Each structure stands twice: as structure tokens, then as C-alpha cells.
All heavy atoms as atom14 arrays in JSON, in Angstrom:
{
  "sequence": "IDIPRMVDRLLREDLDLVAGWRRDRKDNWV",
  "atom14_mask": [
    [1, 1, 1, 1, 1, 1, 1, 1, 0, 0, 0, 0, 0, 0],
    [1, 1, 1, 1, 1, 1, 1, 1, 0, 0, 0, 0, 0, 0],
    [1, 1, 1, 1, 1, 1, 1, 1, 0, 0, 0, 0, 0, 0],
    [1, 1, 1, 1, 1, 1, 1, 0, 0, 0, 0, 0, 0, 0],
    [1, 1, 1, 1, 1, 1, 1, 1, 1, 1, 1, 0, 0, 0],
    [1, 1, 1, 1, 1, 1, 1, 1, 0, 0, 0, 0, 0, 0],
    [1, 1, 1, 1, 1, 1, 1, 0, 0, 0, 0, 0, 0, 0],
    [1, 1, 1, 1, 1, 1, 1, 1, 0, 0, 0, 0, 0, 0],
    [1, 1, 1, 1, 1, 1, 1, 1, 1, 1, 1, 0, 0, 0],
    [1, 1, 1, 1, 1, 1, 1, 1, 0, 0, 0, 0, 0, 0],
    [1, 1, 1, 1, 1, 1, 1, 1, 0, 0, 0, 0, 0, 0],
    [1, 1, 1, 1, 1, 1, 1, 1, 1, 1, 1, 0, 0, 0],
    [1, 1, 1, 1, 1, 1, 1, 1, 1, 0, 0, 0, 0, 0],
    [1, 1, 1, 1, 1, 1, 1, 1, 0, 0, 0, 0, 0, 0],
    [1, 1, 1, 1, 1, 1, 1, 1, 0, 0, 0, 0, 0, 0],
    [1, 1, 1, 1, 1, 1, 1, 1, 0, 0, 0, 0, 0, 0],
    [1, 1, 1, 1, 1, 1, 1, 1, 0, 0, 0, 0, 0, 0],
    [1, 1, 1, 1, 1, 1, 1, 0, 0, 0, 0, 0, 0, 0],
    [1, 1, 1, 1, 1, 0, 0, 0, 0, 0, 0, 0, 0, 0],
    [1, 1, 1, 1, 0, 0, 0, 0, 0, 0, 0, 0, 0, 0],
    [1, 1, 1, 1, 1, 1, 1, 1, 1, 1, 1, 1, 1, 1],
    [1, 1, 1, 1, 1, 1, 1, 1, 1, 1, 1, 0, 0, 0],
    [1, 1, 1, 1, 1, 1, 1, 1, 1, 1, 1, 0, 0, 0],
    [1, 1, 1, 1, 1, 1, 1, 1, 0, 0, 0, 0, 0, 0],
    [1, 1, 1, 1, 1, 1, 1, 1, 1, 1, 1, 0, 0, 0],
    [1, 1, 1, 1, 1, 1, 1, 1, 1, 0, 0, 0, 0, 0],
    [1, 1, 1, 1, 1, 1, 1, 1, 0, 0, 0, 0, 0, 0],
    [1, 1, 1, 1, 1, 1, 1, 1, 0, 0, 0, 0, 0, 0],
    [1, 1, 1, 1, 1, 1, 1, 1, 1, 1, 1, 1, 1, 1],
    [1, 1, 1, 1, 1, 1, 1, 0, 0, 0, 0, 0, 0, 0]
  ],
  "atom14_positions": [
    [[129.56, -85.21, 226.74], [129.81, -84.8, 228.13], [129.15, -83.46, 228.45], [128.88, -83.13, 229.61], [131.34, -84.73, 228.38], [131.63, -84.74, 229.89], [131.93, -83.5, 227.73], [131.29, -86.02, 230.58], [0.0, 0.0, 0.0], [0.0, 0.0, 0.0], [0.0, 0.0, 0.0], [0.0, 0.0, 0.0], [0.0, 0.0, 0.0], [0.0, 0.0, 0.0]],
    [[128.88, -82.66, 227.4], [128.26, -81.34, 227.61], [126.75, -81.42, 227.8], [126.13, -80.43, 228.22], [128.56, -80.43, 226.41], [130.04, -80.13, 226.26], [130.66, -79.75, 227.27], [130.57, -80.25, 225.14], [0.0, 0.0, 0.0], [0.0, 0.0, 0.0], [0.0, 0.0, 0.0], [0.0, 0.0, 0.0], [0.0, 0.0, 0.0], [0.0, 0.0, 0.0]],
    [[126.14, -82.56, 227.5], [124.68, -82.65, 227.51], [124.08, -82.39, 228.88], [123.16, -81.56, 229.0], [124.23, -84.02, 226.94], [124.56, -84.1, 225.45], [122.74, -84.23, 227.17], [124.25, -85.45, 224.83], [0.0, 0.0, 0.0], [0.0, 0.0, 0.0], [0.0, 0.0, 0.0], [0.0, 0.0, 0.0], [0.0, 0.0, 0.0], [0.0, 0.0, 0.0]],
    [[124.53, -83.07, 229.96], [123.88, -82.81, 231.27], [123.95, -81.35, 231.69], [122.98, -80.81, 232.24], [124.69, -83.71, 232.22], [125.24, -84.8, 231.35], [125.54, -84.13, 230.05], [0.0, 0.0, 0.0], [0.0, 0.0, 0.0], [0.0, 0.0, 0.0], [0.0, 0.0, 0.0], [0.0, 0.0, 0.0], [0.0, 0.0, 0.0], [0.0, 0.0, 0.0]],
    [[125.08, -80.7, 231.44], [125.22, -79.29, 231.83], [124.25, -78.41, 231.05], [123.64, -77.48, 231.6], [126.66, -78.85, 231.58], [126.92, -77.37, 231.74], [128.41, -77.09, 231.81], [129.14, -77.75, 230.74], [129.34, -77.22, 229.53], [128.87, -76.02, 229.26], [130.02, -77.89, 228.61], [0.0, 0.0, 0.0], [0.0, 0.0, 0.0], [0.0, 0.0, 0.0]],
    [[124.08, -78.68, 229.74], [123.17, -77.89, 228.92], [121.71, -78.14, 229.3], [120.9, -77.2, 229.34], [123.42, -78.18, 227.45], [124.81, -77.8, 226.97], [125.14, -78.3, 225.26], [124.1, -77.15, 224.35], [0.0, 0.0, 0.0], [0.0, 0.0, 0.0], [0.0, 0.0, 0.0], [0.0, 0.0, 0.0], [0.0, 0.0, 0.0], [0.0, 0.0, 0.0]],
    [[121.38, -79.39, 229.58], [120.01, -79.72, 230.0], [119.7, -79.03, 231.33], [118.61, -78.47, 231.51], [119.83, -81.24, 230.12], [118.49, -81.58, 230.76], [119.93, -81.9, 228.74], [0.0, 0.0, 0.0], [0.0, 0.0, 0.0], [0.0, 0.0, 0.0], [0.0, 0.0, 0.0], [0.0, 0.0, 0.0], [0.0, 0.0, 0.0], [0.0, 0.0, 0.0]],
    [[120.65, -79.08, 232.25], [120.45, -78.44, 233.55], [120.2, -76.95, 233.4], [119.31, -76.37, 234.03], [121.66, -78.68, 234.44], [121.51, -78.02, 235.8], [120.59, -78.39, 236.53], [122.32, -77.12, 236.11], [0.0, 0.0, 0.0], [0.0, 0.0, 0.0], [0.0, 0.0, 0.0], [0.0, 0.0, 0.0], [0.0, 0.0, 0.0], [0.0, 0.0, 0.0]],
    [[120.96, -76.3, 232.53], [120.77, -74.85, 232.33], [119.41, -74.56, 231.7], [118.73, -73.61, 232.09], [121.88, -74.29, 231.47], [121.75, -72.78, 231.29], [122.85, -72.18, 230.47], [122.65, -70.75, 230.31], [123.38, -69.97, 229.52], [124.38, -70.48, 228.81], [123.12, -68.68, 229.43], [0.0, 0.0, 0.0], [0.0, 0.0, 0.0], [0.0, 0.0, 0.0]],
    [[119.0, -75.38, 230.73], [117.71, -75.18, 230.08], [116.58, -75.19, 231.1], [115.71, -74.31, 231.1], [117.48, -76.28, 229.03], [116.15, -76.21, 228.28], [116.32, -75.41, 226.99], [115.62, -77.6, 227.96], [0.0, 0.0, 0.0], [0.0, 0.0, 0.0], [0.0, 0.0, 0.0], [0.0, 0.0, 0.0], [0.0, 0.0, 0.0], [0.0, 0.0, 0.0]],
    [[116.61, -76.18, 232.0], [115.54, -76.34, 232.96], [115.67, -75.36, 234.12], [114.68, -74.81, 234.6], [115.53, -77.77, 233.47], [115.28, -78.83, 232.4], [115.47, -80.23, 232.98], [113.88, -78.7, 231.82], [0.0, 0.0, 0.0], [0.0, 0.0, 0.0], [0.0, 0.0, 0.0], [0.0, 0.0, 0.0], [0.0, 0.0, 0.0], [0.0, 0.0, 0.0]],
    [[116.88, -75.13, 234.56], [117.09, -74.24, 235.71], [116.71, -72.8, 235.38], [116.14, -72.09, 236.21], [118.55, -74.34, 236.15], [118.95, -73.43, 237.29], [120.29, -73.84, 237.87], [121.22, -74.27, 236.85], [121.98, -73.45, 236.13], [121.9, -72.13, 236.31], [122.84, -73.92, 235.22], [0.0, 0.0, 0.0], [0.0, 0.0, 0.0], [0.0, 0.0, 0.0]],
    [[117.03, -72.34, 234.15], [116.73, -70.97, 233.75], [115.42, -70.86, 232.97], [115.09, -69.79, 232.46], [117.89, -70.41, 232.93], [119.21, -70.36, 233.69], [120.34, -69.75, 232.87], [120.04, -69.1, 231.84], [121.51, -69.91, 233.26], [0.0, 0.0, 0.0], [0.0, 0.0, 0.0], [0.0, 0.0, 0.0], [0.0, 0.0, 0.0], [0.0, 0.0, 0.0]],
    [[114.7, -71.98, 232.85], [113.41, -72.01, 232.17], [113.53, -71.46, 230.75], [112.76, -70.6, 230.32], [112.37, -71.22, 232.95], [110.94, -71.53, 232.48], [110.74, -72.64, 231.95], [110.06, -70.68, 232.64], [0.0, 0.0, 0.0], [0.0, 0.0, 0.0], [0.0, 0.0, 0.0], [0.0, 0.0, 0.0], [0.0, 0.0, 0.0], [0.0, 0.0, 0.0]],
    [[114.5, -72.0, 229.99], [114.73, -71.58, 228.61], [114.03, -72.54, 227.65], [113.57, -73.61, 228.04], [116.24, -71.56, 228.33], [117.08, -70.63, 229.21], [118.57, -70.87, 228.97], [116.73, -69.17, 228.93], [0.0, 0.0, 0.0], [0.0, 0.0, 0.0], [0.0, 0.0, 0.0], [0.0, 0.0, 0.0], [0.0, 0.0, 0.0], [0.0, 0.0, 0.0]],
    [[113.97, -72.14, 226.39], [113.42, -73.0, 225.35], [114.51, -73.63, 224.49], [114.27, -74.64, 223.84], [112.46, -72.21, 224.46], [111.19, -71.84, 225.19], [110.75, -72.63, 226.05], [110.64, -70.75, 224.92], [0.0, 0.0, 0.0], [0.0, 0.0, 0.0], [0.0, 0.0, 0.0], [0.0, 0.0, 0.0], [0.0, 0.0, 0.0], [0.0, 0.0, 0.0]],
    [[115.68, -73.01, 224.45], [116.79, -73.54, 223.66], [118.11, -73.12, 224.29], [118.28, -71.96, 224.65], [116.72, -73.02, 222.21], [117.99, -73.17, 221.36], [118.36, -74.64, 221.17], [117.84, -72.48, 220.02], [0.0, 0.0, 0.0], [0.0, 0.0, 0.0], [0.0, 0.0, 0.0], [0.0, 0.0, 0.0], [0.0, 0.0, 0.0], [0.0, 0.0, 0.0]],
    [[119.02, -74.09, 224.41], [120.41, -73.8, 224.73], [121.24, -74.34, 223.57], [121.27, -75.55, 223.32], [120.84, -74.46, 226.06], [122.33, -74.21, 226.31], [120.02, -73.91, 227.22], [0.0, 0.0, 0.0], [0.0, 0.0, 0.0], [0.0, 0.0, 0.0], [0.0, 0.0, 0.0], [0.0, 0.0, 0.0], [0.0, 0.0, 0.0], [0.0, 0.0, 0.0]],
    [[121.89, -73.44, 222.84], [122.66, -73.81, 221.66], [124.13, -73.91, 222.0], [124.65, -73.11, 222.79], [122.45, -72.78, 220.55], [0.0, 0.0, 0.0], [0.0, 0.0, 0.0], [0.0, 0.0, 0.0], [0.0, 0.0, 0.0], [0.0, 0.0, 0.0], [0.0, 0.0, 0.0], [0.0, 0.0, 0.0], [0.0, 0.0, 0.0], [0.0, 0.0, 0.0]],
    [[124.82, -74.86, 221.41], [126.24, -75.02, 221.63], [127.05, -73.97, 220.87], [126.67, -73.56, 219.77], [0.0, 0.0, 0.0], [0.0, 0.0, 0.0], [0.0, 0.0, 0.0], [0.0, 0.0, 0.0], [0.0, 0.0, 0.0], [0.0, 0.0, 0.0], [0.0, 0.0, 0.0], [0.0, 0.0, 0.0], [0.0, 0.0, 0.0], [0.0, 0.0, 0.0]],
    [[128.16, -73.57, 221.46], [129.08, -72.62, 220.83], [130.47, -73.26, 220.81], [131.1, -73.41, 221.84], [129.09, -71.31, 221.6], [130.12, -70.31, 221.12], [130.8, -70.33, 219.95], [130.58, -69.15, 221.83], [131.66, -69.27, 219.86], [131.54, -68.52, 221.0], [130.26, -68.58, 223.06], [132.2, -67.36, 221.39], [130.91, -67.42, 223.44], [131.88, -66.81, 222.61]],
    [[130.92, -73.62, 219.6], [132.25, -74.22, 219.46], [133.3, -73.11, 219.42], [133.85, -72.79, 218.37], [132.3, -75.05, 218.17], [131.3, -76.19, 218.13], [131.15, -76.76, 216.73], [130.56, -75.77, 215.82], [130.3, -75.99, 214.54], [130.56, -77.17, 214.02], [129.77, -75.04, 213.78], [0.0, 0.0, 0.0], [0.0, 0.0, 0.0], [0.0, 0.0, 0.0]],
    [[133.59, -72.55, 220.58], [134.51, -71.41, 220.63], [135.92, -71.81, 220.2], [136.61, -71.05, 219.53], [134.53, -70.82, 222.04], [135.36, -69.55, 222.15], [135.0, -68.77, 223.4], [135.18, -69.56, 224.61], [134.86, -69.12, 225.83], [134.31, -67.92, 225.98], [135.05, -69.88, 226.88], [0.0, 0.0, 0.0], [0.0, 0.0, 0.0], [0.0, 0.0, 0.0]],
    [[136.34, -73.01, 220.57], [137.64, -73.52, 220.16], [137.41, -74.62, 219.13], [137.59, -75.81, 219.4], [138.41, -74.05, 221.37], [139.83, -74.5, 221.01], [140.33, -74.06, 219.96], [140.41, -75.28, 221.78], [0.0, 0.0, 0.0], [0.0, 0.0, 0.0], [0.0, 0.0, 0.0], [0.0, 0.0, 0.0], [0.0, 0.0, 0.0], [0.0, 0.0, 0.0]],
    [[137.04, -74.22, 217.93], [136.62, -75.17, 216.9], [137.82, -75.87, 216.28], [138.8, -75.21, 215.89], [135.8, -74.44, 215.83], [135.21, -75.35, 214.79], [134.25, -74.6, 213.89], [133.72, -75.46, 212.85], [132.85, -75.08, 211.93], [132.4, -73.83, 211.94], [132.43, -75.93, 211.01], [0.0, 0.0, 0.0], [0.0, 0.0, 0.0], [0.0, 0.0, 0.0]],
    [[137.72, -77.2, 216.14], [138.82, -78.01, 215.61], [138.56, -78.4, 214.16], [138.46, -79.57, 213.8], [138.98, -79.28, 216.46], [139.13, -79.04, 217.95], [140.39, -78.25, 218.27], [140.56, -78.12, 219.78], [141.75, -77.32, 220.14], [0.0, 0.0, 0.0], [0.0, 0.0, 0.0], [0.0, 0.0, 0.0], [0.0, 0.0, 0.0], [0.0, 0.0, 0.0]],
    [[138.45, -77.4, 213.28], [138.25, -77.64, 211.86], [139.24, -76.81, 211.06], [139.83, -75.85, 211.58], [136.82, -77.27, 211.44], [135.8, -78.31, 211.86], [136.11, -79.51, 211.76], [134.7, -77.92, 212.29], [0.0, 0.0, 0.0], [0.0, 0.0, 0.0], [0.0, 0.0, 0.0], [0.0, 0.0, 0.0], [0.0, 0.0, 0.0], [0.0, 0.0, 0.0]],
    [[139.4, -77.15, 209.79], [140.3, -76.37, 208.94], [139.59, -75.12, 208.42], [138.38, -74.94, 208.59], [140.82, -77.23, 207.77], [139.69, -77.81, 206.93], [138.68, -77.16, 206.7], [139.87, -79.04, 206.47], [0.0, 0.0, 0.0], [0.0, 0.0, 0.0], [0.0, 0.0, 0.0], [0.0, 0.0, 0.0], [0.0, 0.0, 0.0], [0.0, 0.0, 0.0]],
    [[140.35, -74.25, 207.78], [139.82, -72.96, 207.33], [138.73, -73.11, 206.29], [137.85, -72.24, 206.16], [140.95, -72.1, 206.78], [141.53, -72.61, 205.49], [142.55, -73.48, 205.34], [141.07, -72.29, 204.17], [142.78, -73.74, 204.01], [141.89, -73.0, 203.27], [140.07, -71.47, 203.67], [141.72, -72.93, 201.9], [139.91, -71.39, 202.29], [140.73, -72.11, 201.42]],
    [[138.74, -74.2, 205.52], [137.72, -74.41, 204.48], [136.32, -74.47, 205.1], [135.34, -74.04, 204.5], [138.02, -75.7, 203.69], [136.9, -75.98, 202.69], [139.35, -75.58, 202.98], [0.0, 0.0, 0.0], [0.0, 0.0, 0.0], [0.0, 0.0, 0.0], [0.0, 0.0, 0.0], [0.0, 0.0, 0.0], [0.0, 0.0, 0.0], [0.0, 0.0, 0.0]]
  ]
}
């Protein structure tokens, strides 16, 4: 679901990379 928003930002701001940030990461401490 995040793909269209990230693609739009890449093209709109003329970037070369938009990287995802899992700020609320759902993994264990390991």
C-alpha cells in the first residue's frame, strides 16, 4: 500500500531513491 506514495514522492521531488523507514517495527529484540 506504501508503493504508490513512495513512487509519487520519487518522481515529484526528482529523487533517485526513496527508502522505507519501519519506524514502528513489528519484530522481536533478536
